[in-house]
Amino acid sequence: MSVVYQLMPSPNWAATTTIPVRDGSARDAAGWAGAVFNRRSMPAWIKALFVGRMAVALLLRLPQGTKGTFAVREVRDDEAIIDTDDKHLHFVAGVRADDHLLHVTTAVTFKGRRGQLYFLPVRFLHDQVTRSMMDAAAQRTR
């Protein structure tokens, strides 16, 4: 089980996305996290979603995302942990590779109505966005 659930045992929402990779041991967990969450190499449509996210954040009076939003905070049990506690929600993501598989586990706790409202569209797009970011990272490692 992911370390994410040790850090957030009762999330409001959680998901794990897994893709096959040629060599699951080719990079360490922090290296995979850096590759998956690298804004410069994200697919164009995901970059556009992040621009849209900034507009929604302004409307909901939420803080803008920073470069540190997706920074690895620690590596625990071979899993890179991204832990961001914001005004509207707290999210924890874990990235790990094993046996030719790459896993990203995400857990979210909402903080009030704005967090729930903000996350509504994210809930429906999360798997596709995460999978696309993971695929882009895996392609770059080949």
C-alpha atoms as a PDB file:
ATOM      1  CA  MET A   1       0.000   0.000   0.000  1.00  0.00           C
ATOM      2  CA  SER A   2       1.142   3.533  -0.726  1.00  0.00           C
ATOM      3  CA  VAL A   3       2.771   5.702   1.927  1.00  0.00           C
ATOM      4  CA  VAL A   4       0.204   8.324   0.883  1.00  0.00           C
ATOM      5  CA  TYR A   5      -2.399   6.562   3.046  1.00  0.00           C
ATOM      6  CA  GLN A   6      -0.124   6.705   6.088  1.00  0.00           C
ATOM      7  CA  LEU A   7       0.080  10.474   5.648  1.00  0.00           C
ATOM      8  CA  MET A   8      -3.612  10.879   4.790  1.00  0.00           C
ATOM      9  CA  PRO A   9      -5.544   7.871   6.158  1.00  0.00           C
ATOM     10  CA  SER A  10      -9.048   9.281   5.525  1.00  0.00           C
ATOM     11  CA  PRO A  11      -9.040  11.303   2.296  1.00  0.00           C
ATOM     12  CA  ASN A  12     -12.176  12.745   0.708  1.00  0.00           C
ATOM     13  CA  TRP A  13     -10.945  11.442  -2.655  1.00  0.00           C
ATOM     14  CA  ALA A  14      -8.154   9.103  -3.725  1.00  0.00           C
ATOM     15  CA  ALA A  15      -6.891   7.312  -6.823  1.00  0.00           C
ATOM     16  CA  THR A  16      -3.924   5.335  -8.079  1.00  0.00           C
ATOM     17  CA  THR A  17      -2.871   5.430 -11.713  1.00  0.00           C
ATOM     18  CA  THR A  18      -0.497   2.750 -12.988  1.00  0.00           C
ATOM     19  CA  ILE A  19       1.236   2.403 -16.344  1.00  0.00           C
ATOM     20  CA  PRO A  20       3.744  -0.135 -17.652  1.00  0.00           C
ATOM     21  CA  VAL A  21       7.315   1.082 -18.118  1.00  0.00           C
ATOM     22  CA  ARG A  22      10.197  -0.596 -19.858  1.00  0.00           C
ATOM     23  CA  ASP A  23      12.369  -0.715 -16.759  1.00  0.00           C
ATOM     24  CA  GLY A  24      10.766   0.115 -13.439  1.00  0.00           C
ATOM     25  CA  SER A  25      14.166   0.356 -11.778  1.00  0.00           C
ATOM     26  CA  ALA A  26      15.613   2.713 -14.408  1.00  0.00           C
ATOM     27  CA  ARG A  27      15.058   5.748 -12.169  1.00  0.00           C
ATOM     28  CA  ASP A  28      14.573   6.238  -8.494  1.00  0.00           C
ATOM     29  CA  ALA A  29      11.246   7.438  -7.087  1.00  0.00           C
ATOM     30  CA  ALA A  30      12.337  11.079  -6.881  1.00  0.00           C
ATOM     31  CA  GLY A  31      13.604  10.887 -10.473  1.00  0.00           C
ATOM     32  CA  TRP A  32      10.275   9.511 -11.665  1.00  0.00           C
ATOM     33  CA  ALA A  33       8.377  12.188  -9.709  1.00  0.00           C
ATOM     34  CA  GLY A  34      10.533  14.883 -11.270  1.00  0.00           C
ATOM     35  CA  ALA A  35       9.880  13.455 -14.736  1.00  0.00           C
ATOM     36  CA  VAL A  36       6.111  13.051 -14.246  1.00  0.00           C
ATOM     37  CA  PHE A  37       5.556  16.526 -12.765  1.00  0.00           C
ATOM     38  CA  ASN A  38       7.973  18.401 -15.045  1.00  0.00           C
ATOM     39  CA  ARG A  39       5.870  21.302 -16.346  1.00  0.00           C
ATOM     40  CA  ARG A  40       8.132  21.909 -19.345  1.00  0.00           C
ATOM     41  CA  SER A  41       7.579  18.439 -20.749  1.00  0.00           C
ATOM     42  CA  MET A  42       3.858  18.064 -20.050  1.00  0.00           C
ATOM     43  CA  PRO A  43       1.597  17.575 -23.056  1.00  0.00           C
ATOM     44  CA  ALA A  44       0.273  20.900 -24.442  1.00  0.00           C
ATOM     45  CA  TRP A  45      -3.342  20.173 -23.517  1.00  0.00           C
ATOM     46  CA  ILE A  46      -2.325  19.663 -19.873  1.00  0.00           C
ATOM     47  CA  LYS A  47      -0.404  22.948 -19.871  1.00  0.00           C
ATOM     48  CA  ALA A  48      -3.617  24.587 -21.135  1.00  0.00           C
ATOM     49  CA  LEU A  49      -5.547  23.022 -18.227  1.00  0.00           C
ATOM     50  CA  PHE A  50      -3.035  24.520 -15.789  1.00  0.00           C
ATOM     51  CA  VAL A  51      -3.647  27.950 -17.338  1.00  0.00           C
ATOM     52  CA  GLY A  52      -7.389  27.348 -16.879  1.00  0.00           C
ATOM     53  CA  ARG A  53      -6.720  26.324 -13.293  1.00  0.00           C
ATOM     54  CA  MET A  54      -5.137  29.716 -12.653  1.00  0.00           C
ATOM     55  CA  ALA A  55      -8.296  31.460 -13.909  1.00  0.00           C
ATOM     56  CA  VAL A  56     -10.526  29.304 -11.699  1.00  0.00           C
ATOM     57  CA  ALA A  57      -8.244  29.939  -8.726  1.00  0.00           C
ATOM     58  CA  LEU A  58      -8.666  33.697  -9.244  1.00  0.00           C
ATOM     59  CA  LEU A  59     -12.464  33.348  -9.393  1.00  0.00           C
ATOM     60  CA  LEU A  60     -12.538  31.263  -6.221  1.00  0.00           C
ATOM     61  CA  ARG A  61      -9.950  33.502  -4.530  1.00  0.00           C
ATOM     62  CA  LEU A  62      -7.516  30.646  -4.124  1.00  0.00           C
ATOM     63  CA  PRO A  63      -3.739  30.902  -4.073  1.00  0.00           C
ATOM     64  CA  GLN A  64      -1.929  30.502  -7.395  1.00  0.00           C
ATOM     65  CA  GLY A  65       0.112  27.345  -7.825  1.00  0.00           C
ATOM     66  CA  THR A  66       3.848  27.748  -7.335  1.00  0.00           C
ATOM     67  CA  LYS A  67       6.868  25.871  -8.626  1.00  0.00           C
ATOM     68  CA  GLY A  68       6.995  24.095  -5.271  1.00  0.00           C
ATOM     69  CA  THR A  69       3.469  22.718  -5.543  1.00  0.00           C
ATOM     70  CA  PHE A  70       4.707  19.461  -7.096  1.00  0.00           C
ATOM     71  CA  ALA A  71       8.112  19.350  -5.373  1.00  0.00           C
ATOM     72  CA  VAL A  72       9.189  16.104  -3.722  1.00  0.00           C
ATOM     73  CA  ARG A  73       9.122  16.632   0.044  1.00  0.00           C
ATOM     74  CA  GLU A  74      10.683  13.297   0.981  1.00  0.00           C
ATOM     75  CA  VAL A  75      11.302   9.749  -0.191  1.00  0.00           C
ATOM     76  CA  ARG A  76       9.927   7.120   2.137  1.00  0.00           C
ATOM     77  CA  ASP A  77       9.949   3.363   1.479  1.00  0.00           C
ATOM     78  CA  ASP A  78      11.045   3.927  -2.150  1.00  0.00           C
ATOM     79  CA  GLU A  79       8.126   6.303  -2.770  1.00  0.00           C
ATOM     80  CA  ALA A  80       8.583   9.995  -3.577  1.00  0.00           C
ATOM     81  CA  ILE A  81       6.095  12.085  -1.610  1.00  0.00           C
ATOM     82  CA  ILE A  82       4.605  15.369  -2.799  1.00  0.00           C
ATOM     83  CA  ASP A  83       2.639  16.980   0.018  1.00  0.00           C
ATOM     84  CA  THR A  84       0.908  20.315  -0.516  1.00  0.00           C
ATOM     85  CA  ASP A  85      -1.394  21.799   2.087  1.00  0.00           C
ATOM     86  CA  ASP A  86      -3.235  24.740   0.568  1.00  0.00           C
ATOM     87  CA  LYS A  87      -6.079  27.053   1.599  1.00  0.00           C
ATOM     88  CA  HIS A  88      -8.784  25.028  -0.185  1.00  0.00           C
ATOM     89  CA  LEU A  89      -7.425  21.468  -0.047  1.00  0.00           C
ATOM     90  CA  HIS A  90      -4.596  19.266   1.103  1.00  0.00           C
ATOM     91  CA  PHE A  91      -3.201  16.774  -1.364  1.00  0.00           C
ATOM     92  CA  VAL A  92      -0.568  14.115  -1.072  1.00  0.00           C
ATOM     93  CA  ALA A  93       0.843  12.262  -4.074  1.00  0.00           C
ATOM     94  CA  GLY A  94       3.204   9.308  -4.048  1.00  0.00           C
ATOM     95  CA  VAL A  95       5.302   8.171  -7.011  1.00  0.00           C
ATOM     96  CA  ARG A  96       6.968   4.772  -7.116  1.00  0.00           C
ATOM     97  CA  ALA A  97       8.261   2.312  -9.697  1.00  0.00           C
ATOM     98  CA  ASP A  98       8.414  -1.447  -9.324  1.00  0.00           C
ATOM     99  CA  ASP A  99       8.389  -4.532 -11.547  1.00  0.00           C
ATOM    100  CA  HIS A 100       8.074  -2.573 -14.795  1.00  0.00           C
ATOM    101  CA  LEU A 101       5.167  -0.526 -13.436  1.00  0.00           C
ATOM    102  CA  LEU A 102       4.995   3.152 -12.519  1.00  0.00           C
ATOM    103  CA  HIS A 103       2.406   4.159  -9.907  1.00  0.00           C
ATOM    104  CA  VAL A 104       1.101   7.588  -8.905  1.00  0.00           C
ATOM    105  CA  THR A 105      -1.217   7.595  -5.890  1.00  0.00           C
ATOM    106  CA  THR A 106      -3.094  10.783  -5.041  1.00  0.00           C
ATOM    107  CA  ALA A 107      -5.202  11.539  -1.963  1.00  0.00           C
ATOM    108  CA  VAL A 108      -7.110  14.757  -1.314  1.00  0.00           C
ATOM    109  CA  THR A 109      -8.835  16.278   1.695  1.00  0.00           C
ATOM    110  CA  PHE A 110     -11.132  19.219   0.988  1.00  0.00           C
ATOM    111  CA  LYS A 111     -11.168  22.342   3.112  1.00  0.00           C
ATOM    112  CA  GLY A 112     -14.651  23.710   2.840  1.00  0.00           C
ATOM    113  CA  ARG A 113     -16.903  24.435  -0.120  1.00  0.00           C
ATOM    114  CA  ARG A 114     -14.232  26.108  -2.243  1.00  0.00           C
ATOM    115  CA  GLY A 115     -12.115  22.973  -2.128  1.00  0.00           C
ATOM    116  CA  GLN A 116     -15.061  20.816  -3.141  1.00  0.00           C
ATOM    117  CA  LEU A 117     -16.029  23.196  -5.940  1.00  0.00           C
ATOM    118  CA  TYR A 118     -12.462  23.508  -7.195  1.00  0.00           C
ATOM    119  CA  PHE A 119     -12.007  19.734  -7.236  1.00  0.00           C
ATOM    120  CA  LEU A 120     -15.250  18.936  -9.068  1.00  0.00           C
ATOM    121  CA  PRO A 121     -13.777  19.121 -12.603  1.00  0.00           C
ATOM    122  CA  VAL A 122     -10.443  17.730 -11.391  1.00  0.00           C
ATOM    123  CA  ARG A 123     -12.204  14.587 -10.219  1.00  0.00           C
ATOM    124  CA  PHE A 124     -13.277  13.772 -13.779  1.00  0.00           C
ATOM    125  CA  LEU A 125      -9.994  14.679 -15.488  1.00  0.00           C
ATOM    126  CA  HIS A 126      -7.495  13.412 -12.917  1.00  0.00           C
ATOM    127  CA  ASP A 127      -6.865   9.926 -14.295  1.00  0.00           C
ATOM    128  CA  GLN A 128      -6.488  11.055 -17.899  1.00  0.00           C
ATOM    129  CA  VAL A 129      -4.194  13.957 -16.936  1.00  0.00           C
ATOM    130  CA  THR A 130      -2.076  11.796 -14.620  1.00  0.00           C
ATOM    131  CA  ARG A 131      -1.826   8.973 -17.153  1.00  0.00           C
ATOM    132  CA  SER A 132      -0.757  11.404 -19.908  1.00  0.00           C
ATOM    133  CA  MET A 133       1.904  12.957 -17.678  1.00  0.00           C
ATOM    134  CA  MET A 134       3.174   9.487 -16.731  1.00  0.00           C
ATOM    135  CA  ASP A 135       3.232   8.358 -20.381  1.00  0.00           C
ATOM    136  CA  ALA A 136       5.223  11.470 -21.347  1.00  0.00           C
ATOM    137  CA  ALA A 137       7.728  10.772 -18.547  1.00  0.00           C
ATOM    138  CA  ALA A 138       8.072   7.113 -19.578  1.00  0.00           C
ATOM    139  CA  GLN A 139       8.624   8.068 -23.232  1.00  0.00           C
ATOM    140  CA  ARG A 140      11.400  10.470 -22.245  1.00  0.00           C
ATOM    141  CA  THR A 141      13.228   7.688 -20.373  1.00  0.00           C
ATOM    142  CA  ARG A 142      13.345   5.374 -23.418  1.00  0.00           C
END
